[in-house]
Amino acid sequence: VGGGSTGAGKGKIGSADITIEGGDIQAQFVLAKGTAQGSINSFTMNGGIIRNSNTDNTAETEYLNIKEEGGAVWLQDGKCEISGGTIENCMATEGGAIYIAGTNNPTFTMTGGTIKQCTSQGNGGAVYLEGGTVTLEGGTISDNLASGGHGGGIYIEEGSFYMPKNGIATIIENSAI
């Protein structure tokens, strides 16, 4: 979902502003850097469930990932905000649930919701941030696995992490092996 695909994992991927408020979705949301001046990608989740259990990209009845990274969300140079809902049972090479790429100060902010039981074959069992800022004020990141790297819950390649002392975020039982 985002820019379209030919069904073979190829196609044009564009800038988007996506809001999820409910539903049970099996998909990967891909938001690439827009070409229009001032375009900023935005992914907002206030409710619902996103899961993407396809681990081999071969089954005709399951969803094909367009990007290898970010089992549920692949975002370039934009903002990802989660205040509710659940992302679960996703798998990717990096960032089991969410992969945020870019050099134009992308952000990941979580004030509620849950990211759980996601797996990365490399770094970031739940979230991989290539550069930018992670802010955790609430929500839960639990039971995620980085099976071949670092950051069972969150991996920050370059950037900053902020968790206010009055926040209610929980990061628990994530593993990196």
Protein backbone atom coordinates (compact mmCIF):
# COMPACT_ATOMS: atom_id res chain seq x y z
CA VAL A 1 0.00 0.00 0.00
CA GLY A 2 1.47 3.37 -0.89
CA GLY A 3 2.62 3.63 -4.45
CA GLY A 4 1.41 0.45 -6.02
CA SER A 5 3.05 -2.70 -7.26
CA THR A 6 2.88 -4.97 -10.27
CA GLY A 7 2.41 -7.92 -7.92
CA ALA A 8 5.99 -9.04 -8.46
CA GLY A 9 7.40 -6.69 -5.85
CA LYS A 10 8.12 -4.03 -8.47
CA GLY A 11 6.42 -0.79 -9.29
CA LYS A 12 6.48 2.90 -8.54
CA ILE A 13 6.42 3.77 -4.88
CA GLY A 14 5.53 7.31 -3.94
CA SER A 15 4.95 9.76 -1.18
CA ALA A 16 1.85 9.24 0.96
CA ASP A 17 -0.05 10.34 4.05
CA ILE A 18 -1.57 7.23 5.66
CA THR A 19 -3.78 7.00 8.76
CA ILE A 20 -4.91 3.67 10.25
CA GLU A 21 -7.75 3.89 12.78
CA GLY A 22 -9.12 0.34 12.73
CA GLY A 23 -9.38 -2.94 10.91
CA ASP A 24 -7.28 -6.07 10.65
CA ILE A 25 -4.71 -5.54 7.90
CA GLN A 26 -2.14 -7.87 6.39
CA ALA A 27 0.08 -5.57 4.35
CA GLN A 28 3.32 -3.66 4.13
CA PHE A 29 2.93 0.12 3.88
CA VAL A 30 5.69 1.69 1.76
CA LEU A 31 6.12 5.47 1.74
CA ALA A 32 9.05 6.69 -0.38
CA LYS A 33 10.48 10.17 -0.57
CA GLY A 34 8.19 12.36 -2.61
CA THR A 35 9.34 14.31 -5.63
CA ALA A 36 7.09 17.31 -5.00
CA GLN A 37 8.75 20.14 -3.11
CA GLY A 38 7.79 20.05 0.55
CA SER A 39 6.22 16.59 0.41
CA ILE A 40 6.59 14.70 3.68
CA ASN A 41 5.60 11.10 4.21
CA SER A 42 3.36 10.48 7.19
CA PHE A 43 2.21 7.20 8.72
CA THR A 44 -0.19 7.49 11.67
CA MET A 45 -1.72 4.56 13.54
CA ASN A 46 -4.46 5.18 16.11
CA GLY A 47 -6.07 1.72 16.15
CA GLY A 48 -6.47 -1.56 14.33
CA ILE A 49 -4.07 -4.44 13.78
CA ILE A 50 -1.32 -4.80 11.19
CA ARG A 51 0.27 -8.19 10.77
CA ASN A 52 2.39 -9.57 7.99
CA SER A 53 3.28 -13.19 8.57
CA ASN A 54 4.57 -13.94 5.07
CA THR A 55 8.15 -15.06 5.67
CA ASP A 56 9.20 -16.35 2.25
CA ASN A 57 7.38 -14.08 -0.25
CA THR A 58 6.43 -17.11 -2.37
CA ALA A 59 2.96 -18.20 -1.28
CA GLU A 60 0.36 -16.94 -3.73
CA THR A 61 -2.23 -16.57 -0.99
CA GLU A 62 -0.04 -14.36 1.19
CA TYR A 63 1.07 -10.77 0.80
CA LEU A 64 4.33 -10.04 -1.05
CA ASN A 65 6.63 -7.48 0.58
CA ILE A 66 7.69 -4.72 -1.78
CA LYS A 67 10.66 -3.84 0.45
CA GLU A 68 12.80 -6.36 2.35
CA GLU A 69 12.98 -4.02 5.35
CA GLY A 70 10.09 -3.08 7.61
CA GLY A 71 7.60 -5.94 7.81
CA ALA A 72 4.65 -3.56 8.33
CA VAL A 73 5.97 -0.09 7.49
CA TRP A 74 8.84 1.16 5.29
CA LEU A 75 9.10 4.94 5.52
CA GLN A 76 11.59 7.31 3.91
CA ASP A 77 12.19 10.87 5.15
CA GLY A 78 8.97 11.38 7.05
CA LYS A 79 7.23 10.75 10.32
CA CYS A 80 5.74 7.63 11.86
CA GLU A 81 3.38 8.17 14.80
CA ILE A 82 1.72 5.39 16.76
CA SER A 83 -0.83 6.24 19.45
CA GLY A 84 -2.93 3.06 19.39
CA GLY A 85 -3.45 -0.28 17.73
CA THR A 86 -1.15 -3.27 17.38
CA ILE A 87 1.57 -4.28 14.95
CA GLU A 88 2.33 -7.97 15.41
CA ASN A 89 3.85 -11.05 13.82
CA CYS A 90 5.83 -9.21 11.15
CA MET A 91 9.16 -10.22 9.66
CA ALA A 92 11.82 -8.39 7.62
CA THR A 93 15.56 -8.35 6.97
CA GLU A 94 15.93 -5.15 9.07
CA GLY A 95 13.25 -3.59 11.27
CA GLY A 96 10.86 -6.48 11.86
CA ALA A 97 7.85 -4.13 12.11
CA ILE A 98 9.06 -0.66 11.06
CA TYR A 99 12.02 0.56 9.02
CA ILE A 100 12.61 4.30 8.78
CA ALA A 101 15.14 5.45 6.18
CA GLY A 102 16.46 8.81 5.17
CA THR A 103 18.67 11.72 6.01
CA ASN A 104 16.07 14.49 6.29
CA ASN A 105 15.44 14.02 10.04
CA PRO A 106 12.77 11.28 9.94
CA THR A 107 10.96 10.64 13.23
CA PHE A 108 9.32 7.77 15.05
CA THR A 109 6.99 8.76 17.92
CA MET A 110 5.05 6.28 20.04
CA THR A 111 2.52 7.46 22.63
CA GLY A 112 0.40 4.29 22.79
CA GLY A 113 -0.27 0.99 21.06
CA THR A 114 1.79 -2.17 20.89
CA ILE A 115 4.50 -3.64 18.67
CA LYS A 116 4.98 -7.30 19.52
CA GLN A 117 6.28 -10.63 18.27
CA CYS A 118 8.10 -9.23 15.23
CA THR A 119 11.40 -10.56 13.91
CA SER A 120 14.30 -9.04 12.04
CA GLN A 121 16.90 -11.23 10.39
CA GLY A 122 19.39 -8.45 11.15
CA ASN A 123 18.99 -5.40 13.40
CA GLY A 124 15.90 -3.94 15.05
CA GLY A 125 13.44 -6.67 16.00
CA ALA A 126 10.64 -4.09 16.16
CA VAL A 127 12.01 -0.76 14.86
CA TYR A 128 15.06 0.19 12.76
CA LEU A 129 15.91 3.88 12.44
CA GLU A 130 18.51 4.73 9.79
CA GLY A 131 18.78 8.31 11.02
CA GLY A 132 16.58 10.78 12.88
CA THR A 133 14.79 10.72 16.22
CA VAL A 134 12.92 8.10 18.26
CA THR A 135 10.57 9.41 20.98
CA LEU A 136 8.80 6.95 23.28
CA GLU A 137 6.19 8.51 25.54
CA GLY A 138 3.86 5.52 25.83
CA GLY A 139 2.93 2.17 24.38
CA THR A 140 4.61 -1.22 24.55
CA ILE A 141 7.38 -2.81 22.51
CA SER A 142 7.64 -6.45 23.62
CA ASP A 143 8.66 -9.96 22.61
CA ASN A 144 10.52 -8.92 19.44
CA LEU A 145 13.67 -10.56 18.08
CA ALA A 146 16.69 -9.36 16.11
CA SER A 147 17.93 -12.81 15.13
CA GLY A 148 21.16 -11.75 13.44
CA GLY A 149 22.08 -8.40 14.88
CA HIS A 150 21.45 -5.80 17.55
CA GLY A 151 18.46 -4.07 19.09
CA GLY A 152 15.81 -6.64 19.89
CA GLY A 153 13.33 -3.81 20.41
CA ILE A 154 14.83 -0.76 18.69
CA TYR A 155 17.99 -0.26 16.64
CA ILE A 156 19.19 3.26 15.87
CA GLU A 157 21.90 3.36 13.23
CA GLU A 158 22.34 7.10 13.61
CA GLY A 159 20.21 9.60 15.46
CA SER A 160 18.75 10.19 18.89
CA PHE A 161 16.48 8.46 21.40
CA TYR A 162 14.23 10.26 23.88
CA MET A 163 12.07 8.67 26.59
CA PRO A 164 10.70 11.27 29.04
CA LYS A 165 10.81 10.33 32.72
CA ASN A 166 7.07 11.00 33.07
CA GLY A 167 6.27 8.78 30.06
CA ILE A 168 4.52 5.44 30.32
CA ALA A 169 6.32 3.49 27.60
CA THR A 170 7.34 -0.13 28.17
CA ILE A 171 10.15 -1.92 26.38
CA ILE A 172 10.25 -5.49 27.67
CA GLU A 173 11.39 -9.00 26.78
CA ASN A 174 12.99 -8.18 23.41
CA SER A 175 16.05 -10.18 22.31
CA ALA A 176 19.02 -9.84 19.99
CA ILE A 177 21.10 -12.92 19.23
